[in-house]
N, C-alpha and C. Protein backbone atom coordinates (compact mmCIF):
# COMPACT_ATOMS: atom_id res chain seq x y z
N MET A 1 -3.04 9.01 6.07
CA MET A 1 -2.48 7.47 5.63
C MET A 1 -3.65 6.55 6.06
N ARG A 2 -4.55 6.25 5.57
CA ARG A 2 -5.47 5.19 5.95
C ARG A 2 -4.86 4.07 5.14
N ILE A 3 -4.64 2.73 6.08
CA ILE A 3 -4.72 1.71 5.46
C ILE A 3 -6.27 0.30 6.05
N GLY A 4 -6.58 0.04 4.84
CA GLY A 4 -7.85 -0.60 5.17
C GLY A 4 -8.28 0.28 6.55
N SER A 5 -8.86 -0.24 7.60
CA SER A 5 -10.04 0.51 8.13
C SER A 5 -9.55 1.71 9.27
N THR A 6 -7.89 1.27 9.76
CA THR A 6 -7.40 1.73 10.30
C THR A 6 -6.36 3.51 9.79
N GLN A 7 -6.33 4.36 10.64
CA GLN A 7 -5.34 5.02 10.29
C GLN A 7 -4.31 6.02 10.48
N LEU A 8 -3.67 4.87 9.56
CA LEU A 8 -2.15 4.97 10.02
C LEU A 8 -1.19 6.17 10.01
N GLY A 9 -0.94 6.91 11.78
CA GLY A 9 -0.44 8.14 11.88
C GLY A 9 1.00 8.13 12.53
N GLY A 10 1.56 9.03 13.11
CA GLY A 10 3.13 8.69 13.78
C GLY A 10 3.98 8.94 12.90
N LEU A 11 4.92 8.76 13.62
CA LEU A 11 5.45 8.62 12.82
C LEU A 11 6.04 6.96 11.92
N SER A 12 5.54 5.87 12.17
CA SER A 12 5.25 4.57 11.79
C SER A 12 5.07 4.65 10.16
N GLY A 13 3.61 5.93 10.18
CA GLY A 13 2.87 6.49 8.80
C GLY A 13 3.37 7.86 8.42
N GLY A 14 4.13 8.05 8.87
CA GLY A 14 5.21 9.68 8.15
C GLY A 14 6.32 8.25 7.28
N LEU A 15 6.89 8.21 7.93
CA LEU A 15 7.91 7.06 7.20
C LEU A 15 7.57 5.94 6.66
N TYR A 16 6.51 5.67 6.52
CA TYR A 16 6.10 4.89 5.95
C TYR A 16 5.29 5.53 3.89
N GLU A 17 5.17 6.74 4.52
CA GLU A 17 5.09 7.99 3.39
C GLU A 17 5.85 8.48 2.86
N ILE A 18 6.98 8.33 3.25
CA ILE A 18 8.05 9.18 2.77
C ILE A 18 9.14 8.07 2.07
N LEU A 19 8.88 6.80 2.47
CA LEU A 19 9.96 6.20 1.41
C LEU A 19 8.85 5.31 0.77
N GLU A 20 7.55 5.66 0.59
CA GLU A 20 7.10 5.19 -0.44
C GLU A 20 6.95 5.97 -1.31
N VAL A 21 7.32 7.17 -1.65
CA VAL A 21 7.09 8.45 -2.26
C VAL A 21 8.30 8.26 -2.60
N PHE A 22 9.68 8.58 -2.24
CA PHE A 22 10.89 8.62 -2.13
C PHE A 22 11.15 7.29 -3.66
N GLY A 23 10.48 6.02 -3.11
CA GLY A 23 10.67 5.15 -3.69
C GLY A 23 9.98 5.12 -5.61
N ARG A 24 8.60 5.93 -5.22
CA ARG A 24 8.10 5.73 -6.27
C ARG A 24 9.12 7.00 -7.85
N GLY A 25 9.39 7.46 -6.66
CA GLY A 25 10.41 8.81 -7.66
C GLY A 25 11.14 8.48 -8.29
N ILE A 26 12.02 7.29 -7.54
CA ILE A 26 13.17 6.36 -8.42
C ILE A 26 12.39 5.77 -9.37
N PHE A 27 10.87 5.09 -8.83
CA PHE A 27 10.53 3.99 -9.91
C PHE A 27 10.15 4.86 -11.10
N LEU A 28 9.81 5.96 -10.73
CA LEU A 28 9.11 7.22 -12.34
C LEU A 28 10.22 7.29 -13.01
N LEU A 29 11.55 7.57 -12.73
CA LEU A 29 12.75 8.26 -13.57
C LEU A 29 12.83 6.61 -13.99
N LEU A 30 12.65 5.20 -13.63
CA LEU A 30 13.22 4.61 -14.71
C LEU A 30 11.96 3.85 -15.25
N LEU A 31 10.80 3.71 -14.83
CA LEU A 31 9.79 2.73 -15.19
C LEU A 31 8.34 3.80 -16.14
N GLY A 32 8.80 4.75 -15.78
CA GLY A 32 8.05 6.41 -16.25
C GLY A 32 6.66 6.50 -15.14
N SER A 33 5.53 7.23 -15.77
CA SER A 33 4.78 7.74 -15.01
C SER A 33 3.96 6.78 -14.58
N GLU A 34 2.61 5.89 -16.13
CA GLU A 34 1.71 5.26 -15.92
C GLU A 34 2.41 4.10 -14.87
N ARG A 35 3.51 2.95 -14.73
CA ARG A 35 3.98 1.76 -14.50
C ARG A 35 3.95 1.73 -13.00
N SER A 36 4.63 2.82 -13.12
CA SER A 36 5.38 3.39 -11.29
C SER A 36 4.09 3.43 -10.06
N SER A 37 3.38 4.23 -10.98
CA SER A 37 1.69 4.18 -10.16
C SER A 37 1.21 3.08 -9.99
N ARG A 38 1.20 1.64 -10.02
CA ARG A 38 0.37 0.41 -10.05
C ARG A 38 0.75 0.67 -8.67
N PHE A 39 -0.52 0.15 -8.53
CA PHE A 39 -1.08 -0.27 -6.83
C PHE A 39 0.12 -1.63 -6.39
N GLU A 40 0.52 -2.54 -7.00
CA GLU A 40 0.96 -3.60 -6.97
C GLU A 40 3.07 -3.83 -6.11
N LEU A 41 3.29 -1.98 -7.19
CA LEU A 41 4.37 -2.37 -6.22
C LEU A 41 4.59 -1.30 -4.92
N GLU A 42 3.45 -1.34 -5.03
CA GLU A 42 3.65 -0.20 -3.05
C GLU A 42 4.85 -0.81 -2.35
N HIS A 43 5.04 -2.17 -1.48
CA HIS A 43 6.34 -3.37 -0.80
C HIS A 43 6.99 -1.99 -2.07
N THR A 44 7.08 -2.93 -3.26
CA THR A 44 8.75 -2.39 -3.57
C THR A 44 9.11 -0.73 -3.60
N CYS A 45 8.74 -0.17 -3.74
CA CYS A 45 8.69 1.26 -3.40
C CYS A 45 9.19 1.71 -1.84
N VAL A 46 8.18 0.96 -1.49
CA VAL A 46 8.75 0.96 -0.14
C VAL A 46 10.42 0.78 0.44
N ARG A 47 10.89 -0.53 -0.73
CA ARG A 47 12.24 -1.09 -0.41
C ARG A 47 13.14 -0.58 -0.84
N ALA A 48 12.93 0.52 -2.18
CA ALA A 48 13.61 0.61 -2.35
C ALA A 48 14.06 2.49 -2.18
N GLY A 49 12.68 3.16 -1.71
CA GLY A 49 13.33 3.89 -0.80
C GLY A 49 13.66 4.03 0.61
N ALA A 50 13.18 2.79 1.22
CA ALA A 50 14.22 2.54 2.29
C ALA A 50 15.81 2.16 1.83
N PHE A 51 16.19 1.70 0.32
CA PHE A 51 17.70 0.99 0.74
C PHE A 51 18.10 2.30 0.03
N THR A 52 17.77 3.18 -0.89
CA THR A 52 18.15 4.51 -1.40
C THR A 52 18.53 5.36 -0.40
N SER A 53 17.40 6.09 0.63
CA SER A 53 17.83 6.54 1.99
C SER A 53 18.61 6.80 2.79
N GLY A 54 18.82 4.41 3.01
CA GLY A 54 20.13 4.65 3.85
C GLY A 54 21.14 4.84 2.78
N LEU A 55 21.39 4.30 2.12
CA LEU A 55 22.47 4.66 0.87
C LEU A 55 22.86 6.42 1.81
N ILE A 56 21.72 7.26 0.31
CA ILE A 56 22.63 8.20 0.78
C ILE A 56 22.70 9.38 2.34
N ILE A 57 22.33 8.40 2.87
CA ILE A 57 22.38 8.88 4.37
C ILE A 57 23.75 8.48 4.84
N GLY A 58 23.71 6.95 5.16
CA GLY A 58 25.25 6.62 4.52
C GLY A 58 26.00 7.09 4.94
N GLY A 59 26.08 7.57 3.39
CA GLY A 59 27.39 8.57 2.55
C GLY A 59 27.40 9.51 3.10
N LEU A 60 26.24 9.97 3.55
CA LEU A 60 26.44 11.58 4.52
C LEU A 60 27.80 11.36 5.51
N ALA A 61 27.05 9.94 6.25
CA ALA A 61 27.46 10.21 8.17
C ALA A 61 29.13 9.75 7.43
N SER A 62 29.14 8.75 6.74
CA SER A 62 30.15 8.80 6.04
C SER A 62 31.50 9.69 5.89
N VAL A 63 31.23 10.61 4.79
CA VAL A 63 31.93 11.55 4.89
C VAL A 63 32.40 12.54 6.30
N ILE A 64 30.76 12.70 7.28
CA ILE A 64 31.38 13.27 8.32
C ILE A 64 32.05 12.83 9.40
N GLY A 65 32.27 11.46 9.19
CA GLY A 65 33.34 10.63 9.66
C GLY A 65 34.28 10.71 9.19
N VAL A 66 34.98 11.03 8.57
CA VAL A 66 35.85 10.40 7.55
C VAL A 66 36.99 12.34 7.83
N ALA A 67 35.70 13.16 7.90
CA ALA A 67 35.70 15.10 7.75
C ALA A 67 36.95 15.07 9.38
N LEU A 68 36.08 13.99 10.07
CA LEU A 68 36.11 14.45 11.55
C LEU A 68 37.53 13.26 11.76
N GLY A 69 37.66 12.72 11.02
CA GLY A 69 39.05 12.12 11.71
C GLY A 69 39.74 10.02 11.17
N GLY A 70 38.01 10.38 11.33
CA GLY A 70 37.86 8.70 11.40
C GLY A 70 38.98 7.93 9.63
N ASP A 71 39.13 6.63 10.90
CA ASP A 71 40.35 6.11 9.35
C ASP A 71 38.96 5.23 8.53
N SER A 72 39.78 6.23 6.91
CA SER A 72 38.40 5.78 5.96
C SER A 72 38.27 4.91 5.40
N CYS A 73 39.36 4.16 5.55
CA CYS A 73 39.13 2.53 4.86
C CYS A 73 37.90 1.51 5.68
N PHE A 74 38.14 2.19 7.47
CA PHE A 74 37.06 0.62 8.27
C PHE A 74 35.43 2.20 8.51
N VAL A 75 35.73 3.35 8.58
CA VAL A 75 34.98 4.20 8.75
C VAL A 75 33.61 4.19 7.21
N VAL A 76 34.02 4.85 6.14
CA VAL A 76 33.09 4.50 5.26
C VAL A 76 31.71 2.97 4.98
N PRO A 77 32.91 2.12 4.67
CA PRO A 77 31.73 0.85 4.99
C PRO A 77 31.56 0.49 6.07
N ALA A 78 31.71 0.68 6.93
CA ALA A 78 31.17 0.41 8.20
C ALA A 78 29.40 0.89 8.39
N LEU A 79 29.85 2.28 8.41
CA LEU A 79 28.65 3.26 8.48
C LEU A 79 27.40 3.35 7.40
N LEU A 80 28.44 2.74 5.99
CA LEU A 80 26.86 2.74 4.81
C LEU A 80 26.63 1.33 5.48
N VAL A 81 27.15 0.34 5.81
CA VAL A 81 26.81 -0.51 6.06
C VAL A 81 25.25 -0.83 6.85
N LEU A 82 25.65 -0.06 7.82
CA LEU A 82 24.64 0.13 9.14
C LEU A 82 24.15 1.15 9.07
N VAL A 83 23.58 1.95 8.06
CA VAL A 83 22.71 2.59 7.68
C VAL A 83 21.63 2.02 6.86
N ILE A 84 22.16 1.55 5.52
CA ILE A 84 21.91 1.55 5.51
C ILE A 84 20.72 -0.27 5.19
N SER A 85 20.91 -0.92 6.00
CA SER A 85 20.88 -2.04 6.66
C SER A 85 19.56 -1.77 7.89
N LEU A 86 19.92 0.00 8.61
CA LEU A 86 19.36 0.07 9.40
C LEU A 86 17.26 0.53 8.25
N PHE A 87 18.07 1.82 7.79
CA PHE A 87 16.93 1.78 6.34
C PHE A 87 16.06 0.25 5.94
N VAL A 88 16.82 -0.18 6.00
CA VAL A 88 16.01 -1.74 4.50
C VAL A 88 15.21 -2.23 6.34
N GLY A 89 15.90 -2.06 6.96
CA GLY A 89 14.97 -3.17 8.43
C GLY A 89 13.91 -2.27 9.38
N LEU A 90 13.42 -0.78 8.76
CA LEU A 90 13.62 -0.55 9.04
C LEU A 90 12.05 -0.50 7.90
N GLY A 91 12.22 -0.44 6.63
CA GLY A 91 11.41 -0.56 6.22
C GLY A 91 10.48 -1.51 5.48
N GLN A 92 10.55 -3.01 5.90
CA GLN A 92 10.71 -4.24 6.14
C GLN A 92 9.36 -4.71 7.25
N ALA A 93 10.17 -3.85 8.26
CA ALA A 93 9.30 -3.82 9.20
C ALA A 93 7.37 -2.77 9.18
N LEU A 94 7.99 -1.81 8.45
CA LEU A 94 6.69 -1.28 8.29
C LEU A 94 5.95 -1.68 7.48
N ILE A 95 6.22 -1.97 6.41
CA ILE A 95 5.54 -3.46 5.13
C ILE A 95 4.84 -3.81 5.18
N HIS A 96 6.06 -5.20 6.10
CA HIS A 96 5.23 -6.22 7.76
C HIS A 96 3.79 -6.14 8.66
N TYR A 97 3.66 -4.64 9.02
CA TYR A 97 2.68 -3.77 10.12
C TYR A 97 1.67 -3.32 8.91
N VAL A 98 1.84 -2.69 7.65
CA VAL A 98 0.69 -2.64 7.08
C VAL A 98 0.35 -3.18 6.47
N GLN A 99 0.98 -4.93 6.26
CA GLN A 99 0.13 -6.22 6.01
C GLN A 99 -0.24 -6.76 6.94
N GLU A 100 -0.22 -6.47 8.40
CA GLU A 100 -1.34 -6.99 9.11
C GLU A 100 -2.32 -6.47 9.67
N LEU A 101 -2.17 -4.97 9.29
CA LEU A 101 -2.89 -4.11 8.97
C LEU A 101 -4.34 -3.81 8.42
N ARG A 102 -3.97 -4.04 6.95
CA ARG A 102 -5.06 -5.31 6.09
C ARG A 102 -5.21 -5.67 5.95
N SER A 103 -4.90 -7.39 6.94
CA SER A 103 -5.25 -8.63 6.84
C SER A 103 -6.26 -8.93 8.09
N GLU A 104 -6.55 -7.70 8.70
CA GLU A 104 -6.88 -7.19 10.04
C GLU A 104 -8.46 -7.48 8.59
N ASP A 105 -8.55 -6.58 7.80
CA ASP A 105 -9.92 -6.56 7.15
C ASP A 105 -10.80 -7.48 6.90
N LEU A 106 -10.05 -8.31 6.26
CA LEU A 106 -10.04 -9.32 5.91
C LEU A 106 -11.64 -10.34 6.45
N PRO A 107 -13.11 -10.75 5.38
CA PRO A 107 -13.90 -11.38 6.95
C PRO A 107 -13.09 -12.12 7.49
N PRO A 108 -13.88 -12.36 8.78
CA PRO A 108 -13.13 -13.96 9.66
C PRO A 108 -13.32 -15.11 8.98
N SER A 109 -15.27 -15.05 7.98
CA SER A 109 -15.60 -16.78 8.75
C SER A 109 -14.87 -16.95 6.89
N SER A 110 -14.28 -16.42 5.72
CA SER A 110 -13.08 -16.64 4.90
C SER A 110 -12.21 -16.42 4.65
N PRO A 111 -11.50 -16.94 4.90
CA PRO A 111 -9.58 -15.65 3.76
C PRO A 111 -9.99 -15.19 3.35
N ARG A 112 -10.50 -16.01 1.64
CA ARG A 112 -10.07 -15.73 0.97
C ARG A 112 -12.03 -16.33 0.15
N ALA A 113 -12.15 -15.51 -0.86
CA ALA A 113 -13.63 -15.58 -1.61
C ALA A 113 -13.26 -15.62 -2.38
N GLY A 114 -13.44 -16.97 -3.08
CA GLY A 114 -13.10 -17.40 -4.53
C GLY A 114 -14.50 -17.50 -5.24
N THR A 115 -15.53 -16.59 -4.48
CA THR A 115 -16.89 -17.31 -5.93
C THR A 115 -16.94 -15.62 -6.35
N LYS A 116 -16.39 -14.73 -5.34
CA LYS A 116 -16.10 -13.53 -6.83
C LYS A 116 -15.48 -12.89 -7.21
N GLY A 117 -15.33 -12.38 -8.89
CA GLY A 117 -14.37 -12.04 -9.26
C GLY A 117 -13.49 -10.34 -8.77
N PHE A 118 -11.68 -10.55 -9.27
CA PHE A 118 -11.31 -9.69 -8.40
C PHE A 118 -11.45 -8.32 -8.46
N ASP A 119 -12.69 -8.12 -10.46
CA ASP A 119 -12.86 -6.60 -10.44
C ASP A 119 -14.06 -5.93 -9.37
N GLN A 120 -15.01 -7.36 -9.29
CA GLN A 120 -16.06 -7.25 -8.55
C GLN A 120 -16.05 -7.02 -6.94
N LEU A 121 -15.17 -7.40 -6.37
CA LEU A 121 -14.39 -7.65 -4.85
C LEU A 121 -14.01 -5.88 -5.01
N PHE A 122 -13.01 -5.11 -6.04
CA PHE A 122 -12.65 -4.14 -5.96
C PHE A 122 -13.59 -3.24 -6.51
N ASN A 123 -14.86 -3.25 -6.43
CA ASN A 123 -15.56 -2.50 -7.17
C ASN A 123 -16.84 -2.28 -6.09
N GLU A 124 -16.65 -3.33 -5.25
CA GLU A 124 -17.79 -2.72 -3.78
C GLU A 124 -16.83 -2.22 -2.37
N ARG A 125 -15.56 -2.60 -2.28
CA ARG A 125 -14.97 -2.50 -1.35
C ARG A 125 -14.02 -1.13 -1.54
N ARG A 126 -14.40 -0.54 -3.15
CA ARG A 126 -14.04 1.27 -3.38
C ARG A 126 -15.14 2.01 -3.02
N GLN A 127 -16.42 1.25 -3.21
CA GLN A 127 -17.99 2.49 -2.96
C GLN A 127 -17.57 1.95 -1.23
N GLU A 128 -17.89 0.89 -0.46
CA GLU A 128 -17.77 1.06 0.56
C GLU A 128 -16.29 1.97 0.75
N LEU A 129 -15.49 2.19 1.25
CA LEU A 129 -15.01 3.03 1.12
C LEU A 129 -14.56 4.59 1.22
N GLU A 130 -14.84 4.49 0.25
CA GLU A 130 -15.55 6.08 -0.28
C GLU A 130 -16.89 6.27 0.50
N ALA A 131 -17.61 5.52 0.86
CA ALA A 131 -19.16 5.96 1.60
C ALA A 131 -18.55 6.16 3.08
N ARG A 132 -17.08 5.47 3.62
CA ARG A 132 -16.78 5.43 4.90
C ARG A 132 -16.01 7.04 5.07
N GLY A 133 -15.84 7.67 3.53
CA GLY A 133 -15.29 9.22 3.34
C GLY A 133 -13.11 9.04 3.29
N TYR A 134 -13.04 7.73 2.71
CA TYR A 134 -11.95 7.83 1.92
C TYR A 134 -11.69 8.42 0.52
N SER A 135 -10.11 9.28 0.81
CA SER A 135 -9.93 9.73 -0.50
C SER A 135 -9.99 8.87 -1.73
N GLN A 136 -10.56 9.20 -3.03
CA GLN A 136 -10.70 7.97 -3.78
C GLN A 136 -9.09 7.28 -3.72
N ARG A 137 -8.33 8.20 -4.20
CA ARG A 137 -7.21 7.54 -4.36
C ARG A 137 -6.43 6.31 -3.10
N ASP A 138 -7.21 6.57 -1.49
CA ASP A 138 -6.97 6.13 -0.97
C ASP A 138 -7.89 5.12 -0.82
N ALA A 139 -8.72 4.86 -0.94
CA ALA A 139 -10.37 3.95 -1.21
C ALA A 139 -9.57 3.13 -2.69
N GLU A 140 -9.39 4.03 -3.53
CA GLU A 140 -8.81 2.59 -4.91
C GLU A 140 -8.18 1.77 -4.08
N ARG A 141 -6.37 2.32 -3.09
CA ARG A 141 -5.22 1.53 -3.12
C ARG A 141 -5.48 0.71 -2.48
N GLU A 142 -6.67 0.57 -1.46
CA GLU A 142 -6.89 -0.27 -0.27
C GLU A 142 -7.86 -1.42 -1.40
N ALA A 143 -8.50 -0.78 -2.39
CA ALA A 143 -9.84 -1.29 -2.51
C ALA A 143 -9.30 -3.20 -3.26
N TRP A 144 -8.00 -2.27 -3.82
CA TRP A 144 -7.51 -3.34 -4.49
C TRP A 144 -6.45 -3.91 -4.18
N TRP A 145 -5.96 -3.62 -2.85
CA TRP A 145 -5.09 -5.09 -2.18
C TRP A 145 -6.51 -5.69 -1.85
N PHE A 146 -7.10 -5.50 -0.62
CA PHE A 146 -8.35 -6.17 -0.22
C PHE A 146 -8.46 -7.15 -1.51
N ALA A 147 -9.43 -6.61 -2.99
CA ALA A 147 -9.80 -7.94 -3.13
C ALA A 147 -8.27 -9.01 -3.61
N ARG A 148 -7.17 -8.22 -3.91
CA ARG A 148 -5.96 -9.00 -4.13
C ARG A 148 -5.98 -10.07 -3.26
N MET A 149 -5.68 -9.73 -1.67
CA MET A 149 -5.47 -10.03 -0.90
C MET A 149 -7.35 -11.20 -0.35
N GLN A 150 -8.40 -10.81 -1.20
CA GLN A 150 -9.20 -12.27 -1.52
C GLN A 150 -9.09 -13.15 -2.35
N GLN A 151 -8.85 -13.01 -3.38
CA GLN A 151 -8.40 -13.84 -4.58
C GLN A 151 -7.37 -15.31 -4.23
N PRO A 152 -7.93 -16.24 -4.32
CA PRO A 152 -7.24 -17.84 -4.54
C PRO A 152 -5.73 -17.42 -4.72
N ARG A 153 -4.05 -18.09 -4.32
CA ARG A 153 -3.31 -18.14 -4.65
C ARG A 153 -3.45 -19.05 -5.62
N ALA A 154 -2.46 -19.19 -6.80
CA ALA A 154 -2.63 -19.89 -7.50
C ALA A 154 -1.01 -20.32 -7.54
């Protein structure tokens, strides 16, 4: 997975992609394919994937804890909260890391480029990334985030 000008690999890249794909699957069921593939939902998909993954793994850990003889009144809520919190915190940390990588690609002279429109920034950046060997999907995603971060906030 490429974020900005960095190849995001290893555990962080793999987890980010897994959580994003899992969250996109949830949004695919809720919103449909057209809306669930929007770039601005990327971080929300990671959060949803992290929460749902934590819920599923926490539920399995709770069942195992009760099966091993634990008190179900204590073990189930404790393990659920612990695992969900772990996954949600991990998802938030990964989102922050990705945002930092993307902000490193902003021009150092001015954090915002108010003179160019979103479409112009998007197209220029997409062409630049495709020329550097990015896949079309990665180039579009990163160009969208780049153009969004360049726009003045209302």
